Amino acid sequence: MTWIRRIFDFYLDASIHVALAIICLVQVTGISLNISVPVTLIIFIFFGSLSCYNFVKYGVEAEKYILVANSYHKNIQFFSLGSLIVALFQLLYLSEEIGIALLVLGAITGLYALPVLPKHKNFRSFSGLKILIVATVWAGTTVTLPVISQQMELTWDVWVETAQRVLLVLILLVPFEIRDLKYDDVGLKTLPQRLGVKRTKVIGVIWTISFLLLSFEMENESMLALCSKVILSFVLILLTLRAGVNQGRYFASFWVEAIPIFWLGFLWMGRNFF
């Protein structure tokens, strides 16, 4: 069973799981807004997210990402490089509007990871900006890009969906913030560092309630989408309250990041069997 564990750990460590979660959120957007997302864009987002996420994850300092001594991380590096090549190939088939949006999202991601300021290593070192940047990039990738690909107008429902997606990612980051409390540099001033674990959980619950309430502001929300968000909100609250500093190894890295996968699964079953 050791080889199965190794494959599973590589699946998580190489960000395949998180890239799959991002793709599921793209598909959730398609169902919620009743649009068809091009396969080319889906492939690009999957492989692009995988390579970019690994760069941010392992290469906060660029030279450390280039000069890798550990063979396990070298495998992840080569896997990421291959994924980047696939993503760049798909980029040739995307529209100019998508390209402009990607430049904006790429710039935000770069500011997160690369040292661009004299007194700060990167924007990640600014208090509170870490999770907001991640949430903004995820929302832009999983809502804005599919909408732009269909040349849709940015209607009220699109803005609400985007706001909900930002809140969803913020909520999903809470267990990670709590887990990393004992590892994060105090200079990051994460929510658990500033407010403590209990208050951070309260913030997570408030964000979840806000996420659900926004559903009732949608003008053309289907009953299936609304029901899925109600169920999702209860699951998010349970996960937030269960999160702890000494949580299980796979609690955040697998189960929390799997929420978008389960969400899409619920929507797919609801649309095809009920």
C-alpha atoms as a PDB file:
ATOM      1  CA  MET A   1       0.000   0.000   0.000  1.00  0.00           C
ATOM      2  CA  THR A   2       3.047   2.259   0.249  1.00  0.00           C
ATOM      3  CA  TRP A   3       3.041   2.993  -3.492  1.00  0.00           C
ATOM      4  CA  ILE A   4      -0.617   4.006  -3.310  1.00  0.00           C
ATOM      5  CA  ARG A   5       0.207   6.467  -0.532  1.00  0.00           C
ATOM      6  CA  ARG A   6       3.100   7.854  -2.573  1.00  0.00           C
ATOM      7  CA  ILE A   7       0.887   8.380  -5.601  1.00  0.00           C
ATOM      8  CA  PHE A   8      -1.769  10.023  -3.448  1.00  0.00           C
ATOM      9  CA  ASP A   9       0.789  12.315  -1.781  1.00  0.00           C
ATOM     10  CA  PHE A  10       2.180  13.291  -5.186  1.00  0.00           C
ATOM     11  CA  TYR A  11      -1.398  13.985  -6.331  1.00  0.00           C
ATOM     12  CA  LEU A  12      -1.727  16.452  -3.458  1.00  0.00           C
ATOM     13  CA  ASP A  13       1.813  17.862  -3.403  1.00  0.00           C
ATOM     14  CA  ALA A  14       1.896  18.456  -7.158  1.00  0.00           C
ATOM     15  CA  SER A  15      -1.345  20.479  -6.859  1.00  0.00           C
ATOM     16  CA  ILE A  16      -3.330  18.130  -9.102  1.00  0.00           C
ATOM     17  CA  HIS A  17      -6.075  18.069  -6.471  1.00  0.00           C
ATOM     18  CA  VAL A  18      -6.328  21.844  -6.218  1.00  0.00           C
ATOM     19  CA  ALA A  19      -6.261  22.224 -10.025  1.00  0.00           C
ATOM     20  CA  LEU A  20      -9.130  19.733 -10.249  1.00  0.00           C
ATOM     21  CA  ALA A  21     -11.020  21.753  -7.635  1.00  0.00           C
ATOM     22  CA  ILE A  22     -10.531  24.906  -9.706  1.00  0.00           C
ATOM     23  CA  ILE A  23     -11.860  23.170 -12.815  1.00  0.00           C
ATOM     24  CA  CYS A  24     -14.894  22.009 -10.842  1.00  0.00           C
ATOM     25  CA  LEU A  25     -15.600  25.604  -9.840  1.00  0.00           C
ATOM     26  CA  VAL A  26     -15.383  26.591 -13.508  1.00  0.00           C
ATOM     27  CA  GLN A  27     -18.007  23.957 -14.293  1.00  0.00           C
ATOM     28  CA  VAL A  28     -20.129  25.129 -11.359  1.00  0.00           C
ATOM     29  CA  THR A  29     -20.086  28.588 -12.942  1.00  0.00           C
ATOM     30  CA  GLY A  30     -21.246  27.083 -16.218  1.00  0.00           C
ATOM     31  CA  ILE A  31     -24.187  25.379 -14.525  1.00  0.00           C
ATOM     32  CA  SER A  32     -25.079  28.354 -12.310  1.00  0.00           C
ATOM     33  CA  LEU A  33     -24.980  30.914 -15.137  1.00  0.00           C
ATOM     34  CA  ASN A  34     -26.212  28.473 -17.778  1.00  0.00           C
ATOM     35  CA  ILE A  35     -23.215  28.824 -20.078  1.00  0.00           C
ATOM     36  CA  SER A  36     -21.037  26.314 -21.892  1.00  0.00           C
ATOM     37  CA  VAL A  37     -17.348  26.624 -21.048  1.00  0.00           C
ATOM     38  CA  PRO A  38     -15.014  25.819 -23.983  1.00  0.00           C
ATOM     39  CA  VAL A  39     -12.909  22.674 -23.554  1.00  0.00           C
ATOM     40  CA  THR A  40      -9.817  24.641 -24.584  1.00  0.00           C
ATOM     41  CA  LEU A  41     -10.326  27.045 -21.690  1.00  0.00           C
ATOM     42  CA  ILE A  42     -10.901  24.179 -19.245  1.00  0.00           C
ATOM     43  CA  ILE A  43      -7.665  22.490 -20.313  1.00  0.00           C
ATOM     44  CA  PHE A  44      -5.780  25.781 -20.087  1.00  0.00           C
ATOM     45  CA  ILE A  45      -7.100  26.591 -16.622  1.00  0.00           C
ATOM     46  CA  PHE A  46      -6.318  23.104 -15.316  1.00  0.00           C
ATOM     47  CA  PHE A  47      -2.712  22.947 -16.487  1.00  0.00           C
ATOM     48  CA  GLY A  48      -2.114  26.672 -15.998  1.00  0.00           C
ATOM     49  CA  SER A  49      -3.414  26.545 -12.434  1.00  0.00           C
ATOM     50  CA  LEU A  50      -1.318  23.482 -11.707  1.00  0.00           C
ATOM     51  CA  SER A  51       1.940  25.056 -12.887  1.00  0.00           C
ATOM     52  CA  CYS A  52       1.261  28.478 -11.346  1.00  0.00           C
ATOM     53  CA  TYR A  53       0.103  27.011  -8.055  1.00  0.00           C
ATOM     54  CA  ASN A  54       3.274  24.944  -7.775  1.00  0.00           C
ATOM     55  CA  PHE A  55       5.390  27.999  -8.514  1.00  0.00           C
ATOM     56  CA  VAL A  56       3.658  29.954  -5.766  1.00  0.00           C
ATOM     57  CA  LYS A  57       3.730  26.967  -3.429  1.00  0.00           C
ATOM     58  CA  TYR A  58       7.379  25.991  -3.871  1.00  0.00           C
ATOM     59  CA  GLY A  59       8.932  29.064  -5.442  1.00  0.00           C
ATOM     60  CA  VAL A  60       8.097  32.049  -3.230  1.00  0.00           C
ATOM     61  CA  GLU A  61      11.755  32.780  -3.850  1.00  0.00           C
ATOM     62  CA  ALA A  62      12.371  32.191  -7.566  1.00  0.00           C
ATOM     63  CA  GLU A  63      15.947  30.941  -7.192  1.00  0.00           C
ATOM     64  CA  LYS A  64      14.750  28.175  -4.851  1.00  0.00           C
ATOM     65  CA  TYR A  65      12.325  27.000  -7.502  1.00  0.00           C
ATOM     66  CA  ILE A  66      15.022  26.877 -10.172  1.00  0.00           C
ATOM     67  CA  LEU A  67      17.756  25.280  -8.055  1.00  0.00           C
ATOM     68  CA  VAL A  68      16.039  22.223  -6.569  1.00  0.00           C
ATOM     69  CA  ALA A  69      18.138  19.553  -4.877  1.00  0.00           C
ATOM     70  CA  ASN A  70      15.396  17.242  -3.603  1.00  0.00           C
ATOM     71  CA  SER A  71      14.503  14.566  -6.194  1.00  0.00           C
ATOM     72  CA  TYR A  72      10.846  14.514  -5.123  1.00  0.00           C
ATOM     73  CA  HIS A  73      10.540  18.248  -5.714  1.00  0.00           C
ATOM     74  CA  LYS A  74      12.411  17.867  -8.988  1.00  0.00           C
ATOM     75  CA  ASN A  75       9.683  15.491 -10.149  1.00  0.00           C
ATOM     76  CA  ILE A  76       7.088  18.099  -9.215  1.00  0.00           C
ATOM     77  CA  GLN A  77       9.155  20.728 -11.021  1.00  0.00           C
ATOM     78  CA  PHE A  78       9.311  18.715 -14.262  1.00  0.00           C
ATOM     79  CA  PHE A  79       5.617  17.882 -13.955  1.00  0.00           C
ATOM     80  CA  SER A  80       4.864  21.587 -13.533  1.00  0.00           C
ATOM     81  CA  LEU A  81       7.009  22.484 -16.535  1.00  0.00           C
ATOM     82  CA  GLY A  82       5.165  19.968 -18.688  1.00  0.00           C
ATOM     83  CA  SER A  83       1.850  21.375 -17.475  1.00  0.00           C
ATOM     84  CA  LEU A  84       2.992  24.901 -18.326  1.00  0.00           C
ATOM     85  CA  ILE A  85       3.849  23.826 -21.870  1.00  0.00           C
ATOM     86  CA  VAL A  86       0.380  22.303 -22.316  1.00  0.00           C
ATOM     87  CA  ALA A  87      -1.217  25.490 -20.955  1.00  0.00           C
ATOM     88  CA  LEU A  88       0.803  27.736 -23.266  1.00  0.00           C
ATOM     89  CA  PHE A  89      -0.195  25.590 -26.238  1.00  0.00           C
ATOM     90  CA  GLN A  90      -3.881  25.987 -25.342  1.00  0.00           C
ATOM     91  CA  LEU A  91      -3.353  29.726 -24.986  1.00  0.00           C
ATOM     92  CA  LEU A  92      -2.930  29.940 -28.760  1.00  0.00           C
ATOM     93  CA  TYR A  93      -6.603  29.044 -29.188  1.00  0.00           C
ATOM     94  CA  LEU A  94      -8.051  31.516 -26.678  1.00  0.00           C
ATOM     95  CA  SER A  95      -9.497  34.908 -27.526  1.00  0.00           C
ATOM     96  CA  GLU A  96      -7.754  38.244 -27.116  1.00  0.00           C
ATOM     97  CA  GLU A  97     -10.179  39.185 -24.340  1.00  0.00           C
ATOM     98  CA  ILE A  98      -9.218  36.056 -22.419  1.00  0.00           C
ATOM     99  CA  GLY A  99      -5.562  36.934 -22.951  1.00  0.00           C
ATOM    100  CA  ILE A 100      -6.007  40.380 -21.420  1.00  0.00           C
ATOM    101  CA  ALA A 101      -7.845  38.957 -18.422  1.00  0.00           C
ATOM    102  CA  LEU A 102      -5.082  36.382 -17.978  1.00  0.00           C
ATOM    103  CA  LEU A 103      -2.446  39.128 -17.974  1.00  0.00           C
ATOM    104  CA  VAL A 104      -4.273  40.822 -15.103  1.00  0.00           C
ATOM    105  CA  LEU A 105      -4.641  37.576 -13.137  1.00  0.00           C
ATOM    106  CA  GLY A 106      -1.033  36.653 -13.889  1.00  0.00           C
ATOM    107  CA  ALA A 107       0.180  40.027 -12.643  1.00  0.00           C
ATOM    108  CA  ILE A 108      -1.716  39.589  -9.381  1.00  0.00           C
ATOM    109  CA  THR A 109      -0.266  36.103  -8.960  1.00  0.00           C
ATOM    110  CA  GLY A 110       3.216  37.437  -9.664  1.00  0.00           C
ATOM    111  CA  LEU A 111       2.838  40.173  -7.066  1.00  0.00           C
ATOM    112  CA  TYR A 112       1.876  37.483  -4.577  1.00  0.00           C
ATOM    113  CA  ALA A 113       4.965  35.376  -5.198  1.00  0.00           C
ATOM    114  CA  LEU A 114       7.764  37.595  -6.477  1.00  0.00           C
ATOM    115  CA  PRO A 115       9.769  40.238  -4.552  1.00  0.00           C
ATOM    116  CA  VAL A 116       8.765  43.585  -6.045  1.00  0.00           C
ATOM    117  CA  LEU A 117       8.923  45.998  -3.109  1.00  0.00           C
ATOM    118  CA  PRO A 118      11.981  47.201  -1.161  1.00  0.00           C
ATOM    119  CA  LYS A 119      10.570  46.662   2.324  1.00  0.00           C
ATOM    120  CA  HIS A 120       8.429  43.612   1.594  1.00  0.00           C
ATOM    121  CA  LYS A 121       9.486  40.335  -0.018  1.00  0.00           C
ATOM    122  CA  ASN A 122       6.202  40.275  -1.936  1.00  0.00           C
ATOM    123  CA  PHE A 123       2.550  41.240  -1.510  1.00  0.00           C
ATOM    124  CA  ARG A 124       2.079  38.062   0.504  1.00  0.00           C
ATOM    125  CA  SER A 125       3.990  39.772   3.306  1.00  0.00           C
ATOM    126  CA  PHE A 126       1.333  42.468   3.629  1.00  0.00           C
ATOM    127  CA  SER A 127      -1.026  41.841   6.513  1.00  0.00           C
ATOM    128  CA  GLY A 128      -4.324  40.354   5.325  1.00  0.00           C
ATOM    129  CA  LEU A 129      -3.511  40.497   1.613  1.00  0.00           C
ATOM    130  CA  LYS A 130      -2.513  36.859   1.272  1.00  0.00           C
ATOM    131  CA  ILE A 131      -5.984  35.311   1.390  1.00  0.00           C
ATOM    132  CA  LEU A 132      -7.609  38.232  -0.441  1.00  0.00           C
ATOM    133  CA  ILE A 133      -5.217  37.863  -3.389  1.00  0.00           C
ATOM    134  CA  VAL A 134      -5.798  34.106  -3.560  1.00  0.00           C
ATOM    135  CA  ALA A 135      -9.581  34.560  -3.396  1.00  0.00           C
ATOM    136  CA  THR A 136      -9.529  37.255  -6.097  1.00  0.00           C
ATOM    137  CA  VAL A 137      -7.455  35.132  -8.484  1.00  0.00           C
ATOM    138  CA  TRP A 138      -9.676  32.075  -7.930  1.00  0.00           C
ATOM    139  CA  ALA A 139     -12.833  34.133  -8.499  1.00  0.00           C
ATOM    140  CA  GLY A 140     -11.401  35.731 -11.624  1.00  0.00           C
ATOM    141  CA  THR A 141     -10.309  32.365 -12.986  1.00  0.00           C
ATOM    142  CA  THR A 142     -13.471  30.412 -12.205  1.00  0.00           C
ATOM    143  CA  VAL A 143     -16.123  33.064 -12.914  1.00  0.00           C
ATOM    144  CA  THR A 144     -14.747  35.924 -15.008  1.00  0.00           C
ATOM    145  CA  LEU A 145     -12.845  33.816 -17.555  1.00  0.00           C
ATOM    146  CA  PRO A 146     -15.810  31.528 -18.404  1.00  0.00           C
ATOM    147  CA  VAL A 147     -18.076  34.576 -18.752  1.00  0.00           C
ATOM    148  CA  ILE A 148     -15.598  36.391 -21.008  1.00  0.00           C
ATOM    149  CA  SER A 149     -15.168  33.256 -23.120  1.00  0.00           C
ATOM    150  CA  GLN A 150     -18.875  33.427 -23.967  1.00  0.00           C
ATOM    151  CA  GLN A 151     -18.743  37.197 -24.579  1.00  0.00           C
ATOM    152  CA  MET A 152     -21.443  37.676 -21.964  1.00  0.00           C
ATOM    153  CA  GLU A 153     -22.226  40.970 -20.343  1.00  0.00           C
ATOM    154  CA  LEU A 154     -21.218  41.400 -16.725  1.00  0.00           C
ATOM    155  CA  THR A 155     -24.773  41.193 -15.433  1.00  0.00           C
ATOM    156  CA  TRP A 156     -25.889  41.497 -11.824  1.00  0.00           C
ATOM    157  CA  ASP A 157     -25.893  37.704 -11.444  1.00  0.00           C
ATOM    158  CA  VAL A 158     -22.293  37.531 -12.679  1.00  0.00           C
ATOM    159  CA  TRP A 159     -21.184  40.077 -10.081  1.00  0.00           C
ATOM    160  CA  VAL A 160     -23.051  38.226  -7.315  1.00  0.00           C
ATOM    161  CA  GLU A 161     -21.536  34.920  -8.431  1.00  0.00           C
ATOM    162  CA  THR A 162     -18.092  36.531  -8.378  1.00  0.00           C
ATOM    163  CA  ALA A 163     -18.630  37.937  -4.884  1.00  0.00           C
ATOM    164  CA  GLN A 164     -19.816  34.519  -3.691  1.00  0.00           C
ATOM    165  CA  ARG A 165     -16.758  32.865  -5.202  1.00  0.00           C
ATOM    166  CA  VAL A 166     -14.450  35.277  -3.368  1.00  0.00           C
ATOM    167  CA  LEU A 167     -16.241  34.496  -0.113  1.00  0.00           C
ATOM    168  CA  LEU A 168     -16.132  30.751  -0.805  1.00  0.00           C
ATOM    169  CA  VAL A 169     -12.369  30.770  -1.265  1.00  0.00           C
ATOM    170  CA  LEU A 170     -11.893  32.903   1.852  1.00  0.00           C
ATOM    171  CA  ILE A 171     -13.936  30.352   3.801  1.00  0.00           C
ATOM    172  CA  LEU A 172     -11.973  27.426   2.393  1.00  0.00           C
ATOM    173  CA  LEU A 173      -8.720  29.145   3.372  1.00  0.00           C
ATOM    174  CA  VAL A 174      -9.707  29.389   7.051  1.00  0.00           C
ATOM    175  CA  PRO A 175      -8.764  25.762   7.905  1.00  0.00           C
ATOM    176  CA  PHE A 176      -5.419  26.288   6.142  1.00  0.00           C
ATOM    177  CA  GLU A 177      -4.765  29.511   8.046  1.00  0.00           C
ATOM    178  CA  ILE A 178      -5.529  27.760  11.331  1.00  0.00           C
ATOM    179  CA  ARG A 179      -3.421  24.717  10.418  1.00  0.00           C
ATOM    180  CA  ASP A 180      -0.438  26.874   9.492  1.00  0.00           C
ATOM    181  CA  LEU A 181      -0.617  28.979  12.649  1.00  0.00           C
ATOM    182  CA  LYS A 182       2.348  27.205  14.202  1.00  0.00           C
ATOM    183  CA  TYR A 183       4.412  27.473  11.007  1.00  0.00           C
ATOM    184  CA  ASP A 184       3.657  30.946   9.599  1.00  0.00           C
ATOM    185  CA  ASP A 185       6.054  33.795  10.214  1.00  0.00           C
ATOM    186  CA  VAL A 186       4.560  36.214  12.713  1.00  0.00           C
ATOM    187  CA  GLY A 187       5.176  38.991  10.202  1.00  0.00           C
ATOM    188  CA  LEU A 188       2.438  37.622   7.970  1.00  0.00           C
ATOM    189  CA  LYS A 189      -0.181  38.616  10.570  1.00  0.00           C
ATOM    190  CA  THR A 190      -2.693  36.032   9.402  1.00  0.00           C
ATOM    191  CA  LEU A 191      -6.220  35.997  10.809  1.00  0.00           C
ATOM    192  CA  PRO A 192      -5.455  33.355  13.482  1.00  0.00           C
ATOM    193  CA  GLN A 193      -2.329  35.287  14.500  1.00  0.00           C
ATOM    194  CA  ARG A 194      -4.263  38.525  14.878  1.00  0.00           C
ATOM    195  CA  LEU A 195      -7.612  37.275  16.164  1.00  0.00           C
ATOM    196  CA  GLY A 196      -6.960  33.816  17.555  1.00  0.00           C
ATOM    197  CA  VAL A 197      -8.428  30.513  16.391  1.00  0.00           C
ATOM    198  CA  LYS A 198     -11.917  30.936  17.890  1.00  0.00           C
ATOM    199  CA  ARG A 199     -12.497  34.402  16.456  1.00  0.00           C
ATOM    200  CA  THR A 200     -11.142  33.277  13.087  1.00  0.00           C
ATOM    201  CA  LYS A 201     -13.752  30.502  13.069  1.00  0.00           C
ATOM    202  CA  VAL A 202     -16.431  33.077  13.857  1.00  0.00           C
ATOM    203  CA  ILE A 203     -15.247  35.138  10.879  1.00  0.00           C
ATOM    204  CA  GLY A 204     -15.447  32.001   8.733  1.00  0.00           C
ATOM    205  CA  VAL A 205     -19.038  31.371   9.829  1.00  0.00           C
ATOM    206  CA  ILE A 206     -19.970  35.012   9.124  1.00  0.00           C
ATOM    207  CA  TRP A 207     -18.464  34.730   5.651  1.00  0.00           C
ATOM    208  CA  THR A 208     -20.464  31.532   5.083  1.00  0.00           C
ATOM    209  CA  ILE A 209     -23.725  33.176   6.120  1.00  0.00           C
ATOM    210  CA  SER A 210     -22.915  36.115   3.823  1.00  0.00           C
ATOM    211  CA  PHE A 211     -22.209  33.645   1.004  1.00  0.00           C
ATOM    212  CA  LEU A 212     -25.632  32.056   1.465  1.00  0.00           C
ATOM    213  CA  LEU A 213     -27.521  35.334   1.781  1.00  0.00           C
ATOM    214  CA  LEU A 214     -26.050  36.567  -1.490  1.00  0.00           C
ATOM    215  CA  SER A 215     -27.798  33.658  -3.210  1.00  0.00           C
ATOM    216  CA  PHE A 216     -31.120  35.347  -2.550  1.00  0.00           C
ATOM    217  CA  GLU A 217     -29.869  38.431  -4.418  1.00  0.00           C
ATOM    218  CA  MET A 218     -29.515  36.472  -7.662  1.00  0.00           C
ATOM    219  CA  GLU A 219     -32.100  37.376 -10.275  1.00  0.00           C
ATOM    220  CA  ASN A 220     -32.065  34.104 -12.208  1.00  0.00           C
ATOM    221  CA  GLU A 221     -30.797  31.557  -9.682  1.00  0.00           C
ATOM    222  CA  SER A 222     -32.194  28.088 -10.334  1.00  0.00           C
ATOM    223  CA  MET A 223     -33.709  26.089  -7.495  1.00  0.00           C
ATOM    224  CA  LEU A 224     -31.010  23.448  -7.935  1.00  0.00           C
ATOM    225  CA  ALA A 225     -28.218  26.016  -7.619  1.00  0.00           C
ATOM    226  CA  LEU A 226     -29.867  27.577  -4.574  1.00  0.00           C
ATOM    227  CA  CYS A 227     -30.340  24.209  -2.840  1.00  0.00           C
ATOM    228  CA  SER A 228     -26.730  23.294  -3.562  1.00  0.00           C
ATOM    229  CA  LYS A 229     -25.529  26.514  -1.936  1.00  0.00           C
ATOM    230  CA  VAL A 230     -27.686  25.904   1.129  1.00  0.00           C
ATOM    231  CA  ILE A 231     -26.198  22.433   1.590  1.00  0.00           C
ATOM    232  CA  LEU A 232     -22.726  23.761   0.795  1.00  0.00           C
ATOM    233  CA  SER A 233     -23.074  26.434   3.473  1.00  0.00           C
ATOM    234  CA  PHE A 234     -23.867  23.869   6.175  1.00  0.00           C
ATOM    235  CA  VAL A 235     -20.852  21.781   5.135  1.00  0.00           C
ATOM    236  CA  LEU A 236     -18.614  24.867   5.169  1.00  0.00           C
ATOM    237  CA  ILE A 237     -19.726  25.788   8.675  1.00  0.00           C
ATOM    238  CA  LEU A 238     -19.044  22.253   9.926  1.00  0.00           C
ATOM    239  CA  LEU A 239     -15.582  22.210   8.368  1.00  0.00           C
ATOM    240  CA  THR A 240     -14.777  25.660   9.726  1.00  0.00           C
ATOM    241  CA  LEU A 241     -15.785  24.728  13.270  1.00  0.00           C
ATOM    242  CA  ARG A 242     -13.899  21.440  13.041  1.00  0.00           C
ATOM    243  CA  ALA A 243     -10.644  23.040  11.868  1.00  0.00           C
ATOM    244  CA  GLY A 244      -7.836  23.064  14.416  1.00  0.00           C
ATOM    245  CA  VAL A 245      -4.135  23.753  14.730  1.00  0.00           C
ATOM    246  CA  ASN A 246      -3.441  20.029  15.113  1.00  0.00           C
ATOM    247  CA  GLN A 247      -5.863  18.815  12.459  1.00  0.00           C
ATOM    248  CA  GLY A 248      -5.354  15.600  10.508  1.00  0.00           C
ATOM    249  CA  ARG A 249      -2.794  15.499   7.722  1.00  0.00           C
ATOM    250  CA  TYR A 250      -5.377  15.397   4.938  1.00  0.00           C
ATOM    251  CA  PHE A 251      -8.153  17.431   6.550  1.00  0.00           C
ATOM    252  CA  ALA A 252      -7.351  20.677   4.745  1.00  0.00           C
ATOM    253  CA  SER A 253      -5.159  19.499   1.873  1.00  0.00           C
ATOM    254  CA  PHE A 254      -7.678  16.898   0.691  1.00  0.00           C
ATOM    255  CA  TRP A 255     -11.127  17.203   2.269  1.00  0.00           C
ATOM    256  CA  VAL A 256     -11.411  20.994   2.359  1.00  0.00           C
ATOM    257  CA  GLU A 257      -9.987  21.371  -1.144  1.00  0.00           C
ATOM    258  CA  ALA A 258     -12.383  18.653  -2.326  1.00  0.00           C
ATOM    259  CA  ILE A 259     -15.435  20.800  -1.512  1.00  0.00           C
ATOM    260  CA  PRO A 260     -15.694  22.197  -5.082  1.00  0.00           C
ATOM    261  CA  ILE A 261     -15.517  18.627  -6.424  1.00  0.00           C
ATOM    262  CA  PHE A 262     -18.392  17.492  -4.203  1.00  0.00           C
ATOM    263  CA  TRP A 263     -20.328  20.668  -5.075  1.00  0.00           C
ATOM    264  CA  LEU A 264     -20.073  19.982  -8.787  1.00  0.00           C
ATOM    265  CA  GLY A 265     -20.988  16.336  -8.186  1.00  0.00           C
ATOM    266  CA  PHE A 266     -24.165  17.393  -6.376  1.00  0.00           C
ATOM    267  CA  LEU A 267     -25.124  19.806  -9.172  1.00  0.00           C
ATOM    268  CA  TRP A 268     -24.432  17.192 -11.844  1.00  0.00           C
ATOM    269  CA  MET A 269     -26.532  14.554 -10.121  1.00  0.00           C
ATOM    270  CA  GLY A 270     -29.328  17.030  -9.444  1.00  0.00           C
ATOM    271  CA  ARG A 271     -29.430  18.115 -13.064  1.00  0.00           C
ATOM    272  CA  ASN A 272     -29.270  14.601 -14.542  1.00  0.00           C
ATOM    273  CA  PHE A 273     -31.272  12.459 -12.137  1.00  0.00           C
ATOM    274  CA  PHE A 274     -33.900  14.730 -10.537  1.00  0.00           C
END
